[in-house]
Amino acid sequence: MLVFGVIITAVFLKRLRGEPVPTTGPALVSVAYIALGAWALMHSNYDPFFFIDIIPGVLLALASTGR
């Protein structure tokens, strides 16, 4: 998770500076977070604790697709 955070921070800092960088990496990380959260949610009899993975994944997906 720390490595994902460092990569994502580096990508979005470059975007803030105006550099054209692809957001494919952060988009893949967001898919992984959403998939892990959904899997954990289903296998835990829908314990709401696992939204802790889904919510950051959705927010990262929104940030990856924004201009």
PDB file of N, CA and C in Angstrom:
ATOM      1  N   MET A   1       0.830  -1.185   0.000  1.00  0.00           N
ATOM      2  CA  MET A   1       0.000   0.000   0.000  1.00  0.00           C
ATOM      3  C   MET A   1       0.876   1.251   0.000  1.00  0.00           C
ATOM      4  N   LEU A   2       1.970   1.202   0.709  1.00  0.00           N
ATOM      5  CA  LEU A   2       2.869   2.355   0.741  1.00  0.00           C
ATOM      6  C   LEU A   2       3.473   2.613  -0.633  1.00  0.00           C
ATOM      7  N   VAL A   3       3.877   1.562  -1.318  1.00  0.00           N
ATOM      8  CA  VAL A   3       4.456   1.709  -2.653  1.00  0.00           C
ATOM      9  C   VAL A   3       3.407   2.250  -3.625  1.00  0.00           C
ATOM     10  N   PHE A   4       2.167   1.749  -3.540  1.00  0.00           N
ATOM     11  CA  PHE A   4       1.096   2.279  -4.377  1.00  0.00           C
ATOM     12  C   PHE A   4       0.914   3.769  -4.113  1.00  0.00           C
ATOM     13  N   GLY A   5       0.945   4.160  -2.862  1.00  0.00           N
ATOM     14  CA  GLY A   5       0.774   5.561  -2.508  1.00  0.00           C
ATOM     15  C   GLY A   5       1.887   6.439  -3.050  1.00  0.00           C
ATOM     16  N   VAL A   6       3.116   5.951  -2.994  1.00  0.00           N
ATOM     17  CA  VAL A   6       4.252   6.719  -3.509  1.00  0.00           C
ATOM     18  C   VAL A   6       4.142   6.880  -5.022  1.00  0.00           C
ATOM     19  N   ILE A   7       3.793   5.806  -5.725  1.00  0.00           N
ATOM     20  CA  ILE A   7       3.653   5.870  -7.179  1.00  0.00           C
ATOM     21  C   ILE A   7       2.537   6.837  -7.568  1.00  0.00           C
ATOM     22  N   ILE A   8       1.409   6.721  -6.902  1.00  0.00           N
ATOM     23  CA  ILE A   8       0.261   7.570  -7.216  1.00  0.00           C
ATOM     24  C   ILE A   8       0.571   9.032  -6.922  1.00  0.00           C
ATOM     25  N   THR A   9       1.220   9.295  -5.809  1.00  0.00           N
ATOM     26  CA  THR A   9       1.598  10.666  -5.461  1.00  0.00           C
ATOM     27  C   THR A   9       2.547  11.246  -6.502  1.00  0.00           C
ATOM     28  N   ALA A  10       3.521  10.460  -6.950  1.00  0.00           N
ATOM     29  CA  ALA A  10       4.467  10.937  -7.968  1.00  0.00           C
ATOM     30  C   ALA A  10       3.746  11.261  -9.275  1.00  0.00           C
ATOM     31  N   VAL A  11       2.808  10.419  -9.669  1.00  0.00           N
ATOM     32  CA  VAL A  11       2.079  10.654 -10.919  1.00  0.00           C
ATOM     33  C   VAL A  11       1.253  11.931 -10.823  1.00  0.00           C
ATOM     34  N   PHE A  12       0.519  12.095  -9.727  1.00  0.00           N
ATOM     35  CA  PHE A  12      -0.352  13.256  -9.633  1.00  0.00           C
ATOM     36  C   PHE A  12       0.408  14.552  -9.358  1.00  0.00           C
ATOM     37  N   LEU A  13       1.585  14.469  -8.736  1.00  0.00           N
ATOM     38  CA  LEU A  13       2.410  15.679  -8.601  1.00  0.00           C
ATOM     39  C   LEU A  13       2.899  16.160  -9.966  1.00  0.00           C
ATOM     40  N   LYS A  14       3.254  15.207 -10.819  1.00  0.00           N
ATOM     41  CA  LYS A  14       3.661  15.587 -12.172  1.00  0.00           C
ATOM     42  C   LYS A  14       2.500  16.200 -12.937  1.00  0.00           C
ATOM     43  N   ARG A  15       1.303  15.650 -12.742  1.00  0.00           N
ATOM     44  CA  ARG A  15       0.122  16.216 -13.416  1.00  0.00           C
ATOM     45  C   ARG A  15      -0.166  17.625 -12.914  1.00  0.00           C
ATOM     46  N   LEU A  16       0.038  17.869 -11.617  1.00  0.00           N
ATOM     47  CA  LEU A  16      -0.179  19.214 -11.078  1.00  0.00           C
ATOM     48  C   LEU A  16       0.801  20.223 -11.669  1.00  0.00           C
ATOM     49  N   ARG A  17       1.991  19.756 -12.005  1.00  0.00           N
ATOM     50  CA  ARG A  17       2.994  20.634 -12.618  1.00  0.00           C
ATOM     51  C   ARG A  17       2.711  20.871 -14.099  1.00  0.00           C
ATOM     52  N   GLY A  18       1.735  20.173 -14.643  1.00  0.00           N
ATOM     53  CA  GLY A  18       1.373  20.371 -16.035  1.00  0.00           C
ATOM     54  C   GLY A  18       2.010  19.399 -16.999  1.00  0.00           C
ATOM     55  N   GLU A  19       2.741  18.424 -16.486  1.00  0.00           N
ATOM     56  CA  GLU A  19       3.377  17.443 -17.365  1.00  0.00           C
ATOM     57  C   GLU A  19       2.342  16.426 -17.838  1.00  0.00           C
ATOM     58  N   PRO A  20       2.417  16.035 -19.099  1.00  0.00           N
ATOM     59  CA  PRO A  20       1.466  15.031 -19.597  1.00  0.00           C
ATOM     60  C   PRO A  20       1.920  13.623 -19.213  1.00  0.00           C
ATOM     61  N   VAL A  21       1.356  13.077 -18.173  1.00  0.00           N
ATOM     62  CA  VAL A  21       1.700  11.719 -17.739  1.00  0.00           C
ATOM     63  C   VAL A  21       0.446  10.844 -17.791  1.00  0.00           C
ATOM     64  N   PRO A  22       0.608   9.598 -18.191  1.00  0.00           N
ATOM     65  CA  PRO A  22      -0.557   8.709 -18.226  1.00  0.00           C
ATOM     66  C   PRO A  22      -0.982   8.300 -16.820  1.00  0.00           C
ATOM     67  N   THR A  23      -2.251   8.097 -16.642  1.00  0.00           N
ATOM     68  CA  THR A  23      -2.771   7.682 -15.334  1.00  0.00           C
ATOM     69  C   THR A  23      -3.190   6.219 -15.351  1.00  0.00           C
ATOM     70  N   THR A  24      -2.548   5.438 -16.195  1.00  0.00           N
ATOM     71  CA  THR A  24      -2.855   4.013 -16.275  1.00  0.00           C
ATOM     72  C   THR A  24      -2.503   3.300 -14.967  1.00  0.00           C
ATOM     73  N   GLY A  25      -1.375   3.631 -14.388  1.00  0.00           N
ATOM     74  CA  GLY A  25      -0.961   2.999 -13.127  1.00  0.00           C
ATOM     75  C   GLY A  25      -1.953   3.240 -12.001  1.00  0.00           C
ATOM     76  N   PRO A  26      -2.284   4.497 -11.718  1.00  0.00           N
ATOM     77  CA  PRO A  26      -3.286   4.745 -10.683  1.00  0.00           C
ATOM     78  C   PRO A  26      -4.649   4.127 -10.999  1.00  0.00           C
ATOM     79  N   ALA A  27      -5.015   4.063 -12.264  1.00  0.00           N
ATOM     80  CA  ALA A  27      -6.295   3.435 -12.621  1.00  0.00           C
ATOM     81  C   ALA A  27      -6.270   1.942 -12.307  1.00  0.00           C
ATOM     82  N   LEU A  28      -5.149   1.286 -12.574  1.00  0.00           N
ATOM     83  CA  LEU A  28      -5.032  -0.142 -12.246  1.00  0.00           C
ATOM     84  C   LEU A  28      -5.047  -0.375 -10.736  1.00  0.00           C
ATOM     85  N   VAL A  29      -4.412   0.525 -10.004  1.00  0.00           N
ATOM     86  CA  VAL A  29      -4.437   0.418  -8.542  1.00  0.00           C
ATOM     87  C   VAL A  29      -5.868   0.583  -8.031  1.00  0.00           C
ATOM     88  N   SER A  30      -6.615   1.493  -8.621  1.00  0.00           N
ATOM     89  CA  SER A  30      -8.000   1.696  -8.186  1.00  0.00           C
ATOM     90  C   SER A  30      -8.846   0.458  -8.466  1.00  0.00           C
ATOM     91  N   VAL A  31      -8.629  -0.176  -9.602  1.00  0.00           N
ATOM     92  CA  VAL A  31      -9.353  -1.412  -9.907  1.00  0.00           C
ATOM     93  C   VAL A  31      -9.007  -2.500  -8.889  1.00  0.00           C
ATOM     94  N   ALA A  32      -7.736  -2.584  -8.529  1.00  0.00           N
ATOM     95  CA  ALA A  32      -7.315  -3.587  -7.545  1.00  0.00           C
ATOM     96  C   ALA A  32      -7.952  -3.319  -6.181  1.00  0.00           C
ATOM     97  N   TYR A  33      -7.993  -2.065  -5.760  1.00  0.00           N
ATOM     98  CA  TYR A  33      -8.618  -1.723  -4.478  1.00  0.00           C
ATOM     99  C   TYR A  33     -10.108  -2.060  -4.484  1.00  0.00           C
ATOM    100  N   ILE A  34     -10.792  -1.700  -5.569  1.00  0.00           N
ATOM    101  CA  ILE A  34     -12.228  -1.973  -5.646  1.00  0.00           C
ATOM    102  C   ILE A  34     -12.482  -3.480  -5.669  1.00  0.00           C
ATOM    103  N   ALA A  35     -11.689  -4.215  -6.433  1.00  0.00           N
ATOM    104  CA  ALA A  35     -11.867  -5.672  -6.508  1.00  0.00           C
ATOM    105  C   ALA A  35     -11.589  -6.329  -5.156  1.00  0.00           C
ATOM    106  N   LEU A  36     -10.526  -5.911  -4.490  1.00  0.00           N
ATOM    107  CA  LEU A  36     -10.212  -6.478  -3.170  1.00  0.00           C
ATOM    108  C   LEU A  36     -11.312  -6.157  -2.170  1.00  0.00           C
ATOM    109  N   GLY A  37     -11.779  -4.928  -2.175  1.00  0.00           N
ATOM    110  CA  GLY A  37     -12.835  -4.535  -1.246  1.00  0.00           C
ATOM    111  C   GLY A  37     -14.132  -5.272  -1.506  1.00  0.00           C
ATOM    112  N   ALA A  38     -14.487  -5.436  -2.781  1.00  0.00           N
ATOM    113  CA  ALA A  38     -15.714  -6.157  -3.120  1.00  0.00           C
ATOM    114  C   ALA A  38     -15.612  -7.626  -2.722  1.00  0.00           C
ATOM    115  N   TRP A  39     -14.452  -8.223  -2.984  1.00  0.00           N
ATOM    116  CA  TRP A  39     -14.242  -9.626  -2.610  1.00  0.00           C
ATOM    117  C   TRP A  39     -14.343  -9.789  -1.089  1.00  0.00           C
ATOM    118  N   ALA A  40     -13.666  -8.920  -0.351  1.00  0.00           N
ATOM    119  CA  ALA A  40     -13.685  -9.002   1.107  1.00  0.00           C
ATOM    120  C   ALA A  40     -15.082  -8.736   1.649  1.00  0.00           C
ATOM    121  N   LEU A  41     -15.793  -7.818   1.043  1.00  0.00           N
ATOM    122  CA  LEU A  41     -17.154  -7.504   1.475  1.00  0.00           C
ATOM    123  C   LEU A  41     -18.070  -8.707   1.312  1.00  0.00           C
ATOM    124  N   MET A  42     -17.963  -9.377   0.180  1.00  0.00           N
ATOM    125  CA  MET A  42     -18.817 -10.540  -0.066  1.00  0.00           C
ATOM    126  C   MET A  42     -18.484 -11.702   0.856  1.00  0.00           C
ATOM    127  N   HIS A  43     -17.198 -11.918   1.118  1.00  0.00           N
ATOM    128  CA  HIS A  43     -16.790 -13.060   1.920  1.00  0.00           C
ATOM    129  C   HIS A  43     -16.864 -12.815   3.421  1.00  0.00           C
ATOM    130  N   SER A  44     -17.209 -11.616   3.826  1.00  0.00           N
ATOM    131  CA  SER A  44     -17.335 -11.315   5.252  1.00  0.00           C
ATOM    132  C   SER A  44     -18.789 -11.122   5.658  1.00  0.00           C
ATOM    133  N   ASN A  45     -19.694 -11.626   4.839  1.00  0.00           N
ATOM    134  CA  ASN A  45     -21.132 -11.444   5.081  1.00  0.00           C
ATOM    135  C   ASN A  45     -21.491  -9.962   5.140  1.00  0.00           C
ATOM    136  N   TYR A  46     -20.891  -9.195   4.234  1.00  0.00           N
ATOM    137  CA  TYR A  46     -21.173  -7.773   4.036  1.00  0.00           C
ATOM    138  C   TYR A  46     -20.894  -6.916   5.279  1.00  0.00           C
ATOM    139  N   ASP A  47     -19.738  -7.158   5.871  1.00  0.00           N
ATOM    140  CA  ASP A  47     -19.269  -6.327   6.974  1.00  0.00           C
ATOM    141  C   ASP A  47     -18.859  -4.961   6.403  1.00  0.00           C
ATOM    142  N   PRO A  48     -19.455  -3.873   6.858  1.00  0.00           N
ATOM    143  CA  PRO A  48     -19.170  -2.561   6.264  1.00  0.00           C
ATOM    144  C   PRO A  48     -17.734  -2.075   6.463  1.00  0.00           C
ATOM    145  N   PHE A  49     -16.965  -2.759   7.288  1.00  0.00           N
ATOM    146  CA  PHE A  49     -15.566  -2.380   7.492  1.00  0.00           C
ATOM    147  C   PHE A  49     -14.797  -2.365   6.174  1.00  0.00           C
ATOM    148  N   PHE A  50     -15.141  -3.242   5.251  1.00  0.00           N
ATOM    149  CA  PHE A  50     -14.365  -3.388   4.031  1.00  0.00           C
ATOM    150  C   PHE A  50     -14.643  -2.305   2.998  1.00  0.00           C
ATOM    151  N   PHE A  51     -15.524  -1.365   3.335  1.00  0.00           N
ATOM    152  CA  PHE A  51     -15.652  -0.181   2.495  1.00  0.00           C
ATOM    153  C   PHE A  51     -14.395   0.676   2.595  1.00  0.00           C
ATOM    154  N   ILE A  52     -13.530   0.355   3.556  1.00  0.00           N
ATOM    155  CA  ILE A  52     -12.273   1.078   3.713  1.00  0.00           C
ATOM    156  C   ILE A  52     -11.355   0.843   2.511  1.00  0.00           C
ATOM    157  N   ASP A  53     -11.592  -0.214   1.746  1.00  0.00           N
ATOM    158  CA  ASP A  53     -10.850  -0.439   0.506  1.00  0.00           C
ATOM    159  C   ASP A  53     -11.616   0.092  -0.700  1.00  0.00           C
ATOM    160  N   ILE A  54     -12.919  -0.007  -0.670  1.00  0.00           N
ATOM    161  CA  ILE A  54     -13.720   0.370  -1.830  1.00  0.00           C
ATOM    162  C   ILE A  54     -13.757   1.882  -2.023  1.00  0.00           C
ATOM    163  N   ILE A  55     -13.934   2.632  -0.958  1.00  0.00           N
ATOM    164  CA  ILE A  55     -14.063   4.092  -1.075  1.00  0.00           C
ATOM    165  C   ILE A  55     -12.797   4.740  -1.634  1.00  0.00           C
ATOM    166  N   PRO A  56     -11.593   4.437  -1.126  1.00  0.00           N
ATOM    167  CA  PRO A  56     -10.403   5.022  -1.756  1.00  0.00           C
ATOM    168  C   PRO A  56     -10.215   4.567  -3.201  1.00  0.00           C
ATOM    169  N   GLY A  57     -10.616   3.335  -3.502  1.00  0.00           N
ATOM    170  CA  GLY A  57     -10.525   2.863  -4.884  1.00  0.00           C
ATOM    171  C   GLY A  57     -11.410   3.657  -5.820  1.00  0.00           C
ATOM    172  N   VAL A  58     -12.630   3.943  -5.381  1.00  0.00           N
ATOM    173  CA  VAL A  58     -13.553   4.727  -6.209  1.00  0.00           C
ATOM    174  C   VAL A  58     -13.033   6.163  -6.366  1.00  0.00           C
ATOM    175  N   LEU A  59     -12.545   6.754  -5.283  1.00  0.00           N
ATOM    176  CA  LEU A  59     -12.011   8.117  -5.365  1.00  0.00           C
ATOM    177  C   LEU A  59     -10.786   8.190  -6.277  1.00  0.00           C
ATOM    178  N   LEU A  60      -9.941   7.178  -6.199  1.00  0.00           N
ATOM    179  CA  LEU A  60      -8.764   7.141  -7.076  1.00  0.00           C
ATOM    180  C   LEU A  60      -9.179   6.939  -8.528  1.00  0.00           C
ATOM    181  N   ALA A  61     -10.207   6.142  -8.763  1.00  0.00           N
ATOM    182  CA  ALA A  61     -10.705   5.962 -10.125  1.00  0.00           C
ATOM    183  C   ALA A  61     -11.233   7.275 -10.682  1.00  0.00           C
ATOM    184  N   LEU A  62     -11.943   8.023  -9.864  1.00  0.00           N
ATOM    185  CA  LEU A  62     -12.442   9.331 -10.302  1.00  0.00           C
ATOM    186  C   LEU A  62     -11.296  10.296 -10.601  1.00  0.00           C
ATOM    187  N   ALA A  63     -10.278  10.279  -9.763  1.00  0.00           N
ATOM    188  CA  ALA A  63      -9.121  11.158  -9.987  1.00  0.00           C
ATOM    189  C   ALA A  63      -8.332  10.738 -11.227  1.00  0.00           C
ATOM    190  N   SER A  64      -8.313   9.454 -11.532  1.00  0.00           N
ATOM    191  CA  SER A  64      -7.561   8.965 -12.692  1.00  0.00           C
ATOM    192  C   SER A  64      -8.244   9.304 -14.009  1.00  0.00           C
ATOM    193  N   THR A  65      -9.565   9.448 -13.981  1.00  0.00           N
ATOM    194  CA  THR A  65     -10.261   9.725 -15.229  1.00  0.00           C
ATOM    195  C   THR A  65     -10.498  11.219 -15.438  1.00  0.00           C
ATOM    196  N   GLY A  66     -10.314  12.017 -14.401  1.00  0.00           N
ATOM    197  CA  GLY A  66     -10.537  13.459 -14.531  1.00  0.00           C
ATOM    198  C   GLY A  66      -9.479  14.141 -15.350  1.00  0.00           C
ATOM    199  N   ARG A  67      -9.816  15.295 -15.844  1.00  0.00           N
ATOM    200  CA  ARG A  67      -8.827  16.053 -16.630  1.00  0.00           C
ATOM    201  C   ARG A  67      -8.340  17.136 -15.774  1.00  0.00           C
TER     202      ARG A  67
END
